[in-house]
Protein backbone atom coordinates (compact mmCIF):
# COMPACT_ATOMS: atom_id res chain seq x y z
CA MET A 1 46.66 65.03 -42.22
CA GLU A 2 44.79 66.63 -39.38
CA ALA A 3 46.76 67.13 -36.16
CA THR A 4 45.45 65.46 -33.05
CA LYS A 5 45.19 67.43 -29.86
CA VAL A 6 46.39 65.66 -26.72
CA LYS A 7 45.80 66.86 -23.18
CA VAL A 8 48.77 66.00 -20.92
CA ARG A 9 48.72 66.28 -17.14
CA VAL A 10 52.15 66.67 -15.47
CA GLN A 11 53.33 66.98 -11.87
CA LEU A 12 56.41 68.65 -10.41
CA ASN A 13 57.74 67.05 -7.24
CA ILE A 14 59.86 68.64 -4.48
CA HIS A 15 63.07 67.62 -6.22
CA GLY A 16 62.22 69.57 -9.37
CA ILE A 17 61.46 66.51 -11.42
CA VAL A 18 58.50 66.63 -13.79
CA THR A 19 56.45 63.47 -14.22
CA VAL A 20 53.56 62.78 -16.60
CA VAL A 21 50.45 61.89 -14.64
CA SER A 22 48.03 61.26 -17.51
CA ALA A 23 47.39 61.97 -21.16
CA SER A 24 44.12 62.01 -23.08
CA GLY A 25 42.85 63.04 -26.47
CA ASP A 26 41.25 66.42 -26.63
CA GLY A 27 38.21 66.94 -28.87
CA VAL A 28 35.06 65.18 -30.02
CA ARG A 29 35.34 61.57 -31.13
CA LYS A 30 33.89 60.62 -34.46
CA SER A 31 31.02 58.16 -34.24
CA LYS A 32 31.31 54.82 -36.00
CA VAL A 33 28.70 53.73 -38.52
CA VAL A 34 27.04 50.42 -37.54
CA LYS A 35 25.16 48.49 -40.20
CA ARG A 36 22.73 45.67 -39.17
CA LEU A 37 21.94 42.82 -41.54
CA ASP A 38 19.16 40.18 -41.26
CA ILE A 39 20.67 36.71 -41.53
CA PRO A 40 18.25 33.84 -42.36
CA VAL A 41 18.38 30.94 -39.84
CA SER A 42 16.83 27.49 -40.36
CA GLU A 43 16.12 25.03 -37.53
CA SER A 44 17.70 21.62 -37.91
CA VAL A 45 17.75 19.01 -35.10
CA PHE A 46 20.09 16.09 -35.68
CA GLY A 47 18.18 12.83 -35.66
CA GLY A 48 14.81 14.61 -35.18
CA MET A 49 11.74 14.87 -37.38
CA ALA A 50 11.10 17.74 -39.70
CA LYS A 51 8.12 19.98 -38.96
CA ALA A 52 6.13 18.53 -41.85
CA GLU A 53 6.92 14.95 -40.76
CA LEU A 54 5.93 15.74 -37.17
CA SER A 55 2.63 17.22 -38.32
CA GLU A 56 1.91 14.14 -40.44
CA ALA A 57 2.74 11.82 -37.53
CA GLU A 58 0.39 13.72 -35.20
CA LYS A 59 -2.36 13.50 -37.81
CA LYS A 60 -1.82 9.74 -38.14
CA GLU A 61 -1.90 9.32 -34.35
CA HIS A 62 -5.19 11.22 -34.15
CA GLN A 63 -6.68 8.97 -36.83
CA LEU A 64 -5.63 5.84 -34.93
CA VAL A 65 -7.16 7.18 -31.70
CA GLN A 66 -10.44 7.91 -33.47
CA GLN A 67 -10.39 4.44 -35.03
CA ASP A 68 -9.89 2.79 -31.62
CA LEU A 69 -12.70 4.92 -30.17
CA LYS A 70 -15.09 3.87 -32.93
CA MET A 71 -14.23 0.20 -32.37
CA GLU A 72 -14.83 0.54 -28.63
CA ASN A 73 -18.17 2.28 -29.21
CA ALA A 74 -19.21 -0.45 -31.64
CA LYS A 75 -18.28 -3.07 -29.05
CA GLU A 76 -20.40 -1.39 -26.37
CA LYS A 77 -23.27 -0.97 -28.84
CA ASN A 78 -23.22 -4.67 -29.71
CA ARG A 79 -23.06 -5.62 -26.04
CA THR A 80 -26.11 -3.48 -25.35
CA ASP A 81 -27.95 -5.01 -28.29
CA VAL A 82 -27.23 -8.57 -27.13
CA LEU A 83 -28.27 -7.77 -23.58
CA ILE A 84 -31.56 -6.33 -24.81
CA TRP A 85 -32.33 -9.48 -26.77
CA HIS A 86 -31.52 -11.75 -23.87
CA THR A 87 -33.39 -9.75 -21.27
CA LEU A 88 -36.50 -9.30 -23.39
CA SER A 89 -36.44 -13.01 -24.06
CA PHE A 90 -36.10 -14.30 -20.52
CA LEU A 91 -37.03 -11.55 -18.08
CA ASP A 92 -40.74 -11.72 -18.81
CA VAL A 93 -42.19 -15.18 -19.43
CA MET A 94 -39.48 -16.70 -21.68
CA SER A 95 -41.99 -17.05 -24.50
CA THR A 96 -40.62 -19.27 -27.28
CA GLU A 97 -43.03 -17.60 -29.69
CA ARG A 98 -41.14 -14.31 -29.31
CA VAL A 99 -37.65 -15.83 -29.23
CA PRO A 100 -36.35 -18.09 -32.03
CA ILE A 101 -34.84 -21.34 -30.81
CA SER A 102 -31.59 -20.45 -32.60
CA VAL A 103 -31.19 -17.40 -30.38
CA ILE A 104 -31.70 -19.51 -27.27
CA LEU A 105 -29.08 -22.06 -28.33
CA SER A 106 -26.57 -19.45 -29.48
CA PHE A 107 -26.55 -17.57 -26.20
CA CYS A 108 -27.31 -20.35 -23.71
CA HIS A 109 -24.76 -19.11 -21.17
CA GLU A 110 -26.11 -15.57 -21.03
CA VAL A 111 -29.65 -16.95 -21.07
CA LEU A 112 -28.96 -18.99 -17.95
CA ILE A 113 -27.66 -15.92 -16.11
CA LEU A 114 -30.61 -13.74 -17.11
CA ASN A 115 -33.05 -16.49 -16.20
CA GLN A 116 -31.52 -16.50 -12.71
CA TYR A 117 -32.25 -12.77 -12.43
CA HIS A 118 -35.96 -13.54 -12.73
CA GLY A 119 -36.29 -14.39 -9.04
CA PHE A 120 -34.65 -11.11 -8.03
CA SER A 121 -37.27 -8.88 -9.66
CA MET A 122 -40.84 -7.94 -8.82
CA GLU A 123 -43.60 -8.03 -11.43
CA SER A 124 -43.74 -4.24 -11.56
CA GLU A 125 -39.98 -4.10 -12.06
CA ARG A 126 -40.10 -6.64 -14.88
CA GLU A 127 -42.77 -4.60 -16.64
CA GLY A 128 -40.75 -1.42 -16.21
CA ILE A 129 -37.54 -3.07 -17.36
CA SER A 130 -39.25 -4.55 -20.43
CA TYR A 131 -40.51 -1.09 -21.33
CA ASN A 132 -37.05 0.42 -20.83
CA LEU A 133 -35.52 -2.33 -22.94
CA GLN A 134 -37.91 -1.63 -25.80
CA GLN A 135 -37.19 2.11 -25.57
CA THR A 136 -33.45 1.44 -25.48
CA GLU A 137 -33.67 -0.86 -28.49
CA ASP A 138 -35.36 1.92 -30.47
CA TRP A 139 -32.74 4.43 -29.25
CA LEU A 140 -29.93 2.03 -30.16
CA TYR A 141 -30.78 2.11 -33.87
CA GLU A 142 -31.85 5.76 -34.08
CA ASP A 143 -30.27 8.41 -31.86
CA GLY A 144 -27.78 5.98 -30.32
CA VAL A 145 -26.01 5.04 -33.54
CA ASP A 146 -23.21 7.58 -33.14
CA GLU A 147 -23.16 7.77 -29.34
CA SER A 148 -20.04 7.21 -27.25
CA GLY A 149 -19.26 4.04 -25.30
CA ASP A 150 -20.17 5.80 -22.05
CA ALA A 151 -23.70 6.38 -23.34
CA TYR A 152 -24.15 2.66 -24.02
CA THR A 153 -22.79 1.81 -20.58
CA GLU A 154 -25.32 4.18 -19.01
CA LYS A 155 -28.12 2.39 -20.81
CA LEU A 156 -26.86 -0.96 -19.56
CA ASP A 157 -26.83 0.35 -16.00
CA LEU A 158 -30.47 1.45 -16.36
CA LEU A 159 -31.66 -1.75 -17.98
CA ILE A 160 -31.14 -4.26 -15.17
CA PRO A 161 -31.28 -2.75 -11.65
CA LEU A 162 -31.97 -6.24 -10.26
CA GLN A 163 -28.50 -7.35 -11.31
CA ASN A 164 -27.09 -5.82 -8.12
CA ARG A 165 -29.35 -8.01 -5.99
CA TYR A 166 -28.21 -11.12 -7.83
CA LYS A 167 -24.53 -10.25 -7.48
CA GLU A 168 -24.97 -9.17 -3.86
CA GLU A 169 -26.46 -12.54 -2.93
CA GLU A 170 -23.40 -14.29 -4.36
CA ALA A 171 -21.04 -11.86 -2.62
CA ARG A 172 -22.96 -12.25 0.65
CA ALA A 173 -22.60 -16.05 0.45
CA ARG A 174 -18.83 -15.74 -0.07
CA ALA A 175 -18.47 -13.26 2.79
CA THR A 176 -20.48 -15.58 5.06
CA ARG A 177 -18.17 -18.51 4.29
CA ASP A 178 -15.11 -16.36 4.95
CA LEU A 179 -16.41 -15.22 8.34
CA LEU A 180 -17.31 -18.78 9.38
CA ASP A 181 -13.85 -19.98 8.28
CA CYS A 182 -12.26 -17.23 10.36
CA ILE A 183 -14.28 -18.28 13.42
CA THR A 184 -13.35 -21.96 12.94
CA ASP A 185 -9.64 -21.20 12.50
CA TYR A 186 -9.34 -19.19 15.70
CA ARG A 187 -11.31 -21.73 17.71
CA MET A 188 -8.79 -24.36 16.63
CA VAL A 189 -5.62 -22.42 17.49
CA VAL A 190 -6.53 -21.12 20.95
CA GLY A 191 -6.03 -24.45 22.72
CA SER A 192 -2.48 -23.57 23.75
CA LEU A 193 -3.36 -20.14 25.16
CA PRO A 194 -3.82 -19.39 28.85
CA VAL A 195 -7.39 -19.89 30.02
CA SER A 196 -8.17 -16.17 30.36
CA GLU A 197 -6.99 -15.29 26.86
CA ARG A 198 -8.49 -18.43 25.34
CA ASP A 199 -11.88 -17.53 26.78
CA VAL A 200 -11.60 -14.00 25.35
CA VAL A 201 -11.00 -15.32 21.82
CA ILE A 202 -13.74 -17.94 22.08
CA ASP A 203 -16.16 -15.32 23.39
CA GLU A 204 -15.44 -12.98 20.45
CA CYS A 205 -15.93 -15.84 17.99
CA LYS A 206 -19.23 -16.71 19.65
CA LYS A 207 -20.44 -13.10 19.42
CA ALA A 208 -19.54 -12.91 15.73
CA GLU A 209 -21.30 -16.21 15.02
CA GLN A 210 -24.47 -15.14 16.84
CA TRP A 211 -24.45 -11.79 15.02
CA LEU A 212 -24.16 -13.57 11.67
CA GLN A 213 -26.97 -16.01 12.44
CA GLU A 214 -29.35 -13.23 13.50
CA LYS A 215 -28.56 -11.13 10.43
CA LEU A 216 -28.97 -14.08 8.07
CA GLN A 217 -32.32 -14.96 9.61
CA GLN A 218 -33.51 -11.40 9.03
CA GLN A 219 -32.19 -11.46 5.46
CA ASN A 220 -33.79 -14.82 4.68
CA SER A 221 -37.17 -13.50 5.83
CA PHE A 222 -37.09 -11.01 2.93
CA PRO A 223 -37.84 -12.03 -0.67
CA LYS A 224 -35.01 -12.02 -3.18
CA ASN A 225 -36.67 -9.25 -5.18
CA ALA A 226 -36.31 -6.82 -2.24
CA ASP A 227 -33.17 -4.82 -1.55
CA PRO A 228 -31.01 -6.69 1.00
CA ILE A 229 -30.80 -5.62 4.63
CA LEU A 230 -27.51 -7.49 5.11
CA TRP A 231 -24.78 -6.50 2.68
CA SER A 232 -21.63 -8.46 1.95
CA ASN A 233 -19.43 -5.50 2.90
CA GLU A 234 -20.96 -5.52 6.38
CA ILE A 235 -20.02 -9.19 6.83
CA LYS A 236 -16.51 -8.50 5.53
CA ARG A 237 -16.01 -5.72 8.07
CA LYS A 238 -17.16 -8.06 10.86
CA ALA A 239 -14.65 -10.70 9.71
CA GLU A 240 -11.83 -8.15 9.52
CA ALA A 241 -12.60 -6.84 13.01
CA LEU A 242 -12.67 -10.38 14.44
CA ASP A 243 -9.43 -11.31 12.71
CA MET A 244 -7.67 -8.19 13.96
CA TYR A 245 -8.84 -8.67 17.56
CA CYS A 246 -8.02 -12.38 17.77
CA TYR A 247 -4.68 -12.00 16.00
CA HIS A 248 -3.65 -9.24 18.40
CA THR A 249 -4.63 -11.46 21.35
CA LEU A 250 -2.55 -14.38 20.03
CA VAL A 251 0.51 -12.22 19.39
CA HIS A 252 0.24 -10.63 22.82
CA SER A 253 0.02 -14.06 24.46
CA LEU A 254 3.05 -15.39 22.57
CA HIS A 255 5.02 -12.28 23.46
CA LYS A 256 4.32 -12.79 27.18
CA ALA A 257 5.32 -16.44 26.95
CA MET A 258 8.72 -15.52 25.47
CA ILE A 259 9.58 -13.05 28.24
């Protein structure tokens, strides 16, 4: 057995007593051999899906998304096809020689709507739209077979530019009724207000009514197949401004009466 060398540090105090301060091994320490081993680890989440199952589920989800996309595209394609038939049938001269009677009876509702569009288009527009419809019909069964739903929607937007005029006339009529109703309502409720505030509300209602009459006269002087000069949004803003002003006047008057 090999002897171990120890280094001891002692101290002698004033009373002649020796005390051990420290002790340490003397010499070079032997190094320890460390051996590293690779331990295989497998991932396992309790209640979760295995990697293969997750991959299969993602694949199935992708297939379902693609299936829904194809169905949506087919729906838009059919809608475009129907619109082409209806518009070609009734935008020009509604010729019964070109359109079978069965088609007219099957789509009578859409036919009525498209027939109403006729007054909102000029002759040059109808010729251009008919040409675009024919081109779109050819595209629909050639290059457009595998197109996305957005592509079909774009074609629909290009087919009937006069649709905006038709819808705008309806929206303008609704906005006109709303503004007139607003004017009537405030004229009826101002009877209890002081004279000065009542006159302010009546004056604002009168201004709004005169503005509407002048604008409608200008609009009615234009044909339906021209872009409108009076838009429904403009009438709505006028109604909102009148409502805000008159409502504020009423609230202010009631507040003064309560003080």
